[in-house]
Amino acid sequence: MKYTIHARNAHQWAVGFITLLNEAQSVDEINQLREIHMNTARAIKKTRPDIMNHVAQQVANRRSMLAQAPGE
């Protein structure tokens, strides 16, 4: 199913996604989050690639931070 995302909705989604991303405690949680939001992310990438580039950078930063954190 194809659909489009308006700019304001794309921004709101990105803010929510990044909030959930920052709460992730492991790389596995990040992967699950990405899988759940994949269809929305694809639609936003077509509509607002600048927002998706920012989200992708945030995902990379969070993965890196979790990978470097000592295990608990």
PDB file of N, CA and C in Angstrom:
ATOM      1  N   MET A   1       0.843  -1.175   0.000  1.00  0.00           N
ATOM      2  CA  MET A   1       0.000   0.000   0.000  1.00  0.00           C
ATOM      3  C   MET A   1       0.890   1.241   0.000  1.00  0.00           C
ATOM      4  N   LYS A   2       0.654   2.132  -0.935  1.00  0.00           N
ATOM      5  CA  LYS A   2       1.444   3.350  -1.017  1.00  0.00           C
ATOM      6  C   LYS A   2       0.653   4.498  -0.409  1.00  0.00           C
ATOM      7  N   TYR A   3       1.354   5.362   0.269  1.00  0.00           N
ATOM      8  CA  TYR A   3       0.726   6.555   0.803  1.00  0.00           C
ATOM      9  C   TYR A   3       1.778   7.638   0.946  1.00  0.00           C
ATOM     10  N   THR A   4       1.329   8.862   1.087  1.00  0.00           N
ATOM     11  CA  THR A   4       2.260   9.973   1.239  1.00  0.00           C
ATOM     12  C   THR A   4       2.135  10.549   2.640  1.00  0.00           C
ATOM     13  N   ILE A   5       3.159  11.206   3.061  1.00  0.00           N
ATOM     14  CA  ILE A   5       3.208  11.833   4.370  1.00  0.00           C
ATOM     15  C   ILE A   5       3.416  13.327   4.149  1.00  0.00           C
ATOM     16  N   HIS A   6       2.591  14.145   4.756  1.00  0.00           N
ATOM     17  CA  HIS A   6       2.770  15.587   4.658  1.00  0.00           C
ATOM     18  C   HIS A   6       3.939  16.011   5.535  1.00  0.00           C
ATOM     19  N   ALA A   7       4.541  17.151   5.217  1.00  0.00           N
ATOM     20  CA  ALA A   7       5.753  17.606   5.893  1.00  0.00           C
ATOM     21  C   ALA A   7       5.569  17.705   7.406  1.00  0.00           C
ATOM     22  N   ARG A   8       4.473  18.275   7.863  1.00  0.00           N
ATOM     23  CA  ARG A   8       4.277  18.423   9.309  1.00  0.00           C
ATOM     24  C   ARG A   8       4.192  17.051   9.984  1.00  0.00           C
ATOM     25  N   ASN A   9       3.481  16.131   9.348  1.00  0.00           N
ATOM     26  CA  ASN A   9       3.376  14.781   9.903  1.00  0.00           C
ATOM     27  C   ASN A   9       4.728  14.074   9.898  1.00  0.00           C
ATOM     28  N   ALA A  10       5.503  14.300   8.865  1.00  0.00           N
ATOM     29  CA  ALA A  10       6.840  13.699   8.793  1.00  0.00           C
ATOM     30  C   ALA A  10       7.695  14.194   9.948  1.00  0.00           C
ATOM     31  N   HIS A  11       7.628  15.469  10.225  1.00  0.00           N
ATOM     32  CA  HIS A  11       8.409  16.045  11.324  1.00  0.00           C
ATOM     33  C   HIS A  11       7.938  15.473  12.664  1.00  0.00           C
ATOM     34  N   GLN A  12       6.639  15.390  12.867  1.00  0.00           N
ATOM     35  CA  GLN A  12       6.104  14.838  14.113  1.00  0.00           C
ATOM     36  C   GLN A  12       6.518  13.383  14.285  1.00  0.00           C
ATOM     37  N   TRP A  13       6.473  12.611  13.196  1.00  0.00           N
ATOM     38  CA  TRP A  13       6.897  11.222  13.268  1.00  0.00           C
ATOM     39  C   TRP A  13       8.368  11.140  13.668  1.00  0.00           C
ATOM     40  N   ALA A  14       9.196  11.976  13.035  1.00  0.00           N
ATOM     41  CA  ALA A  14      10.632  11.943  13.308  1.00  0.00           C
ATOM     42  C   ALA A  14      10.920  12.264  14.775  1.00  0.00           C
ATOM     43  N   VAL A  15      10.234  13.249  15.324  1.00  0.00           N
ATOM     44  CA  VAL A  15      10.436  13.608  16.732  1.00  0.00           C
ATOM     45  C   VAL A  15      10.065  12.418  17.629  1.00  0.00           C
ATOM     46  N   GLY A  16       8.939  11.791  17.350  1.00  0.00           N
ATOM     47  CA  GLY A  16       8.520  10.633  18.134  1.00  0.00           C
ATOM     48  C   GLY A  16       9.472   9.461  17.994  1.00  0.00           C
ATOM     49  N   PHE A  17       9.911   9.213  16.766  1.00  0.00           N
ATOM     50  CA  PHE A  17      10.838   8.110  16.516  1.00  0.00           C
ATOM     51  C   PHE A  17      12.145   8.327  17.260  1.00  0.00           C
ATOM     52  N   ILE A  18      12.675   9.545  17.207  1.00  0.00           N
ATOM     53  CA  ILE A  18      13.950   9.841  17.875  1.00  0.00           C
ATOM     54  C   ILE A  18      13.788   9.724  19.394  1.00  0.00           C
ATOM     55  N   THR A  19      12.621  10.101  19.911  1.00  0.00           N
ATOM     56  CA  THR A  19      12.365   9.939  21.341  1.00  0.00           C
ATOM     57  C   THR A  19      12.420   8.458  21.725  1.00  0.00           C
ATOM     58  N   LEU A  20      11.743   7.616  20.951  1.00  0.00           N
ATOM     59  CA  LEU A  20      11.796   6.169  21.208  1.00  0.00           C
ATOM     60  C   LEU A  20      13.211   5.629  21.033  1.00  0.00           C
ATOM     61  N   LEU A  21      13.903   6.134  20.029  1.00  0.00           N
ATOM     62  CA  LEU A  21      15.279   5.712  19.768  1.00  0.00           C
ATOM     63  C   LEU A  21      16.170   6.000  20.973  1.00  0.00           C
ATOM     64  N   ASN A  22      16.019   7.176  21.554  1.00  0.00           N
ATOM     65  CA  ASN A  22      16.842   7.557  22.698  1.00  0.00           C
ATOM     66  C   ASN A  22      16.533   6.732  23.943  1.00  0.00           C
ATOM     67  N   GLU A  23      15.362   6.109  23.979  1.00  0.00           N
ATOM     68  CA  GLU A  23      15.009   5.247  25.098  1.00  0.00           C
ATOM     69  C   GLU A  23      15.487   3.807  24.902  1.00  0.00           C
ATOM     70  N   ALA A  24      15.917   3.477  23.702  1.00  0.00           N
ATOM     71  CA  ALA A  24      16.383   2.120  23.411  1.00  0.00           C
ATOM     72  C   ALA A  24      17.601   1.799  24.264  1.00  0.00           C
ATOM     73  N   GLN A  25      17.605   0.587  24.807  1.00  0.00           N
ATOM     74  CA  GLN A  25      18.688   0.164  25.688  1.00  0.00           C
ATOM     75  C   GLN A  25      19.662  -0.808  25.023  1.00  0.00           C
ATOM     76  N   SER A  26      19.365  -1.184  23.769  1.00  0.00           N
ATOM     77  CA  SER A  26      20.256  -2.117  23.078  1.00  0.00           C
ATOM     78  C   SER A  26      20.103  -1.944  21.566  1.00  0.00           C
ATOM     79  N   VAL A  27      21.064  -2.474  20.852  1.00  0.00           N
ATOM     80  CA  VAL A  27      21.010  -2.448  19.396  1.00  0.00           C
ATOM     81  C   VAL A  27      19.817  -3.280  18.911  1.00  0.00           C
ATOM     82  N   ASP A  28      19.497  -4.360  19.624  1.00  0.00           N
ATOM     83  CA  ASP A  28      18.323  -5.171  19.259  1.00  0.00           C
ATOM     84  C   ASP A  28      17.042  -4.353  19.338  1.00  0.00           C
ATOM     85  N   GLU A  29      16.913  -3.515  20.349  1.00  0.00           N
ATOM     86  CA  GLU A  29      15.732  -2.655  20.472  1.00  0.00           C
ATOM     87  C   GLU A  29      15.671  -1.659  19.317  1.00  0.00           C
ATOM     88  N   ILE A  30      16.811  -1.142  18.907  1.00  0.00           N
ATOM     89  CA  ILE A  30      16.854  -0.229  17.762  1.00  0.00           C
ATOM     90  C   ILE A  30      16.393  -0.959  16.503  1.00  0.00           C
ATOM     91  N   ASN A  31      16.873  -2.176  16.319  1.00  0.00           N
ATOM     92  CA  ASN A  31      16.467  -2.957  15.144  1.00  0.00           C
ATOM     93  C   ASN A  31      14.967  -3.213  15.141  1.00  0.00           C
ATOM     94  N   GLN A  32      14.392  -3.541  16.290  1.00  0.00           N
ATOM     95  CA  GLN A  32      12.947  -3.757  16.386  1.00  0.00           C
ATOM     96  C   GLN A  32      12.181  -2.478  16.068  1.00  0.00           C
ATOM     97  N   LEU A  33      12.658  -1.373  16.584  1.00  0.00           N
ATOM     98  CA  LEU A  33      12.023  -0.079  16.329  1.00  0.00           C
ATOM     99  C   LEU A  33      12.042   0.247  14.842  1.00  0.00           C
ATOM    100  N   ARG A  34      13.172   0.034  14.205  1.00  0.00           N
ATOM    101  CA  ARG A  34      13.282   0.297  12.773  1.00  0.00           C
ATOM    102  C   ARG A  34      12.345  -0.595  11.972  1.00  0.00           C
ATOM    103  N   GLU A  35      12.253  -1.868  12.369  1.00  0.00           N
ATOM    104  CA  GLU A  35      11.382  -2.800  11.657  1.00  0.00           C
ATOM    105  C   GLU A  35       9.915  -2.373  11.765  1.00  0.00           C
ATOM    106  N   ILE A  36       9.496  -1.970  12.943  1.00  0.00           N
ATOM    107  CA  ILE A  36       8.113  -1.546  13.166  1.00  0.00           C
ATOM    108  C   ILE A  36       7.770  -0.314  12.316  1.00  0.00           C
ATOM    109  N   HIS A  37       8.710   0.591  12.172  1.00  0.00           N
ATOM    110  CA  HIS A  37       8.449   1.865  11.502  1.00  0.00           C
ATOM    111  C   HIS A  37       8.897   1.900  10.043  1.00  0.00           C
ATOM    112  N   MET A  38       9.261   0.758   9.471  1.00  0.00           N
ATOM    113  CA  MET A  38       9.841   0.715   8.124  1.00  0.00           C
ATOM    114  C   MET A  38       8.938   1.329   7.053  1.00  0.00           C
ATOM    115  N   ASN A  39       7.647   0.998   7.026  1.00  0.00           N
ATOM    116  CA  ASN A  39       6.763   1.519   5.980  1.00  0.00           C
ATOM    117  C   ASN A  39       6.617   3.034   6.065  1.00  0.00           C
ATOM    118  N   THR A  40       6.478   3.544   7.273  1.00  0.00           N
ATOM    119  CA  THR A  40       6.378   4.994   7.443  1.00  0.00           C
ATOM    120  C   THR A  40       7.675   5.655   7.000  1.00  0.00           C
ATOM    121  N   ALA A  41       8.792   5.067   7.364  1.00  0.00           N
ATOM    122  CA  ALA A  41      10.091   5.628   6.990  1.00  0.00           C
ATOM    123  C   ALA A  41      10.253   5.689   5.474  1.00  0.00           C
ATOM    124  N   ARG A  42       9.796   4.667   4.777  1.00  0.00           N
ATOM    125  CA  ARG A  42       9.897   4.670   3.310  1.00  0.00           C
ATOM    126  C   ARG A  42       9.068   5.804   2.700  1.00  0.00           C
ATOM    127  N   ALA A  43       7.872   5.987   3.227  1.00  0.00           N
ATOM    128  CA  ALA A  43       7.008   7.056   2.712  1.00  0.00           C
ATOM    129  C   ALA A  43       7.615   8.426   2.992  1.00  0.00           C
ATOM    130  N   ILE A  44       8.181   8.594   4.167  1.00  0.00           N
ATOM    131  CA  ILE A  44       8.793   9.883   4.512  1.00  0.00           C
ATOM    132  C   ILE A  44      10.035  10.122   3.670  1.00  0.00           C
ATOM    133  N   LYS A  45      10.789   9.085   3.404  1.00  0.00           N
ATOM    134  CA  LYS A  45      12.004   9.244   2.594  1.00  0.00           C
ATOM    135  C   LYS A  45      11.660   9.796   1.214  1.00  0.00           C
ATOM    136  N   LYS A  46      10.527   9.368   0.653  1.00  0.00           N
ATOM    137  CA  LYS A  46      10.110   9.878  -0.657  1.00  0.00           C
ATOM    138  C   LYS A  46       9.641  11.329  -0.577  1.00  0.00           C
ATOM    139  N   THR A  47       8.964  11.669   0.530  1.00  0.00           N
ATOM    140  CA  THR A  47       8.388  13.004   0.688  1.00  0.00           C
ATOM    141  C   THR A  47       9.403  14.005   1.224  1.00  0.00           C
ATOM    142  N   ARG A  48      10.131  13.600   2.268  1.00  0.00           N
ATOM    143  CA  ARG A  48      11.078  14.500   2.940  1.00  0.00           C
ATOM    144  C   ARG A  48      12.391  13.780   3.223  1.00  0.00           C
ATOM    145  N   PRO A  49      13.213  13.618   2.189  1.00  0.00           N
ATOM    146  CA  PRO A  49      14.476  12.910   2.405  1.00  0.00           C
ATOM    147  C   PRO A  49      15.382  13.598   3.429  1.00  0.00           C
ATOM    148  N   ASP A  50      15.267  14.907   3.577  1.00  0.00           N
ATOM    149  CA  ASP A  50      16.080  15.614   4.563  1.00  0.00           C
ATOM    150  C   ASP A  50      15.767  15.147   5.979  1.00  0.00           C
ATOM    151  N   ILE A  51      14.498  14.918   6.260  1.00  0.00           N
ATOM    152  CA  ILE A  51      14.114  14.426   7.587  1.00  0.00           C
ATOM    153  C   ILE A  51      14.646  13.015   7.792  1.00  0.00           C
ATOM    154  N   MET A  52      14.528  12.170   6.776  1.00  0.00           N
ATOM    155  CA  MET A  52      15.015  10.797   6.923  1.00  0.00           C
ATOM    156  C   MET A  52      16.531  10.750   7.058  1.00  0.00           C
ATOM    157  N   ASN A  53      17.244  11.655   6.398  1.00  0.00           N
ATOM    158  CA  ASN A  53      18.697  11.709   6.570  1.00  0.00           C
ATOM    159  C   ASN A  53      19.041  12.033   8.026  1.00  0.00           C
ATOM    160  N   HIS A  54      18.287  12.956   8.607  1.00  0.00           N
ATOM    161  CA  HIS A  54      18.516  13.314  10.013  1.00  0.00           C
ATOM    162  C   HIS A  54      18.217  12.121  10.925  1.00  0.00           C
ATOM    163  N   VAL A  55      17.102  11.438  10.685  1.00  0.00           N
ATOM    164  CA  VAL A  55      16.734  10.274  11.488  1.00  0.00           C
ATOM    165  C   VAL A  55      17.795   9.182  11.354  1.00  0.00           C
ATOM    166  N   ALA A  56      18.260   8.941  10.148  1.00  0.00           N
ATOM    167  CA  ALA A  56      19.294   7.919   9.930  1.00  0.00           C
ATOM    168  C   ALA A  56      20.566   8.260  10.696  1.00  0.00           C
ATOM    169  N   GLN A  57      20.926   9.526  10.733  1.00  0.00           N
ATOM    170  CA  GLN A  57      22.116   9.946  11.483  1.00  0.00           C
ATOM    171  C   GLN A  57      21.914   9.719  12.982  1.00  0.00           C
ATOM    172  N   GLN A  58      20.713   9.989  13.469  1.00  0.00           N
ATOM    173  CA  GLN A  58      20.413   9.767  14.884  1.00  0.00           C
ATOM    174  C   GLN A  58      20.479   8.273  15.226  1.00  0.00           C
ATOM    175  N   VAL A  59      19.989   7.427  14.331  1.00  0.00           N
ATOM    176  CA  VAL A  59      20.064   5.976  14.539  1.00  0.00           C
ATOM    177  C   VAL A  59      21.528   5.548  14.612  1.00  0.00           C
ATOM    178  N   ALA A  60      22.342   6.028  13.701  1.00  0.00           N
ATOM    179  CA  ALA A  60      23.764   5.673  13.694  1.00  0.00           C
ATOM    180  C   ALA A  60      24.449   6.138  14.979  1.00  0.00           C
ATOM    181  N   ASN A  61      24.124   7.334  15.417  1.00  0.00           N
ATOM    182  CA  ASN A  61      24.723   7.859  16.652  1.00  0.00           C
ATOM    183  C   ASN A  61      24.330   7.013  17.860  1.00  0.00           C
ATOM    184  N   ARG A  62      23.052   6.655  17.938  1.00  0.00           N
ATOM    185  CA  ARG A  62      22.572   5.867  19.081  1.00  0.00           C
ATOM    186  C   ARG A  62      23.185   4.469  19.064  1.00  0.00           C
ATOM    187  N   ARG A  63      23.265   3.854  17.888  1.00  0.00           N
ATOM    188  CA  ARG A  63      23.895   2.526  17.785  1.00  0.00           C
ATOM    189  C   ARG A  63      25.337   2.582  18.270  1.00  0.00           C
ATOM    190  N   SER A  64      26.040   3.611  17.825  1.00  0.00           N
ATOM    191  CA  SER A  64      27.440   3.762  18.208  1.00  0.00           C
ATOM    192  C   SER A  64      27.581   3.934  19.718  1.00  0.00           C
ATOM    193  N   MET A  65      26.707   4.746  20.300  1.00  0.00           N
ATOM    194  CA  MET A  65      26.764   4.984  21.726  1.00  0.00           C
ATOM    195  C   MET A  65      26.483   3.693  22.503  1.00  0.00           C
ATOM    196  N   LEU A  66      25.479   2.927  22.061  1.00  0.00           N
ATOM    197  CA  LEU A  66      25.157   1.676  22.755  1.00  0.00           C
ATOM    198  C   LEU A  66      26.262   0.637  22.569  1.00  0.00           C
ATOM    199  N   ALA A  67      26.881   0.628  21.418  1.00  0.00           N
ATOM    200  CA  ALA A  67      27.954  -0.332  21.155  1.00  0.00           C
ATOM    201  C   ALA A  67      29.172  -0.049  22.026  1.00  0.00           C
ATOM    202  N   GLN A  68      29.392   1.218  22.360  1.00  0.00           N
ATOM    203  CA  GLN A  68      30.558   1.600  23.154  1.00  0.00           C
ATOM    204  C   GLN A  68      30.297   1.522  24.649  1.00  0.00           C
ATOM    205  N   ALA A  69      29.006   1.483  25.048  1.00  0.00           N
ATOM    206  CA  ALA A  69      28.667   1.449  26.470  1.00  0.00           C
ATOM    207  C   ALA A  69      29.072   0.118  27.079  1.00  0.00           C
ATOM    208  N   PRO A  70      29.621   0.189  28.277  1.00  0.00           N
ATOM    209  CA  PRO A  70      29.982  -1.077  28.949  1.00  0.00           C
ATOM    210  C   PRO A  70      28.725  -1.859  29.285  1.00  0.00           C
ATOM    211  N   GLY A  71      28.822  -3.187  29.207  1.00  0.00           N
ATOM    212  CA  GLY A  71      27.676  -4.045  29.518  1.00  0.00           C
ATOM    213  C   GLY A  71      27.295  -3.959  30.980  1.00  0.00           C
ATOM    214  N   GLU A  72      26.012  -4.101  31.232  1.00  0.00           N
ATOM    215  CA  GLU A  72      25.539  -4.025  32.624  1.00  0.00           C
ATOM    216  C   GLU A  72      25.324  -5.400  33.180  1.00  0.00           C
TER     217      GLU A  72
END
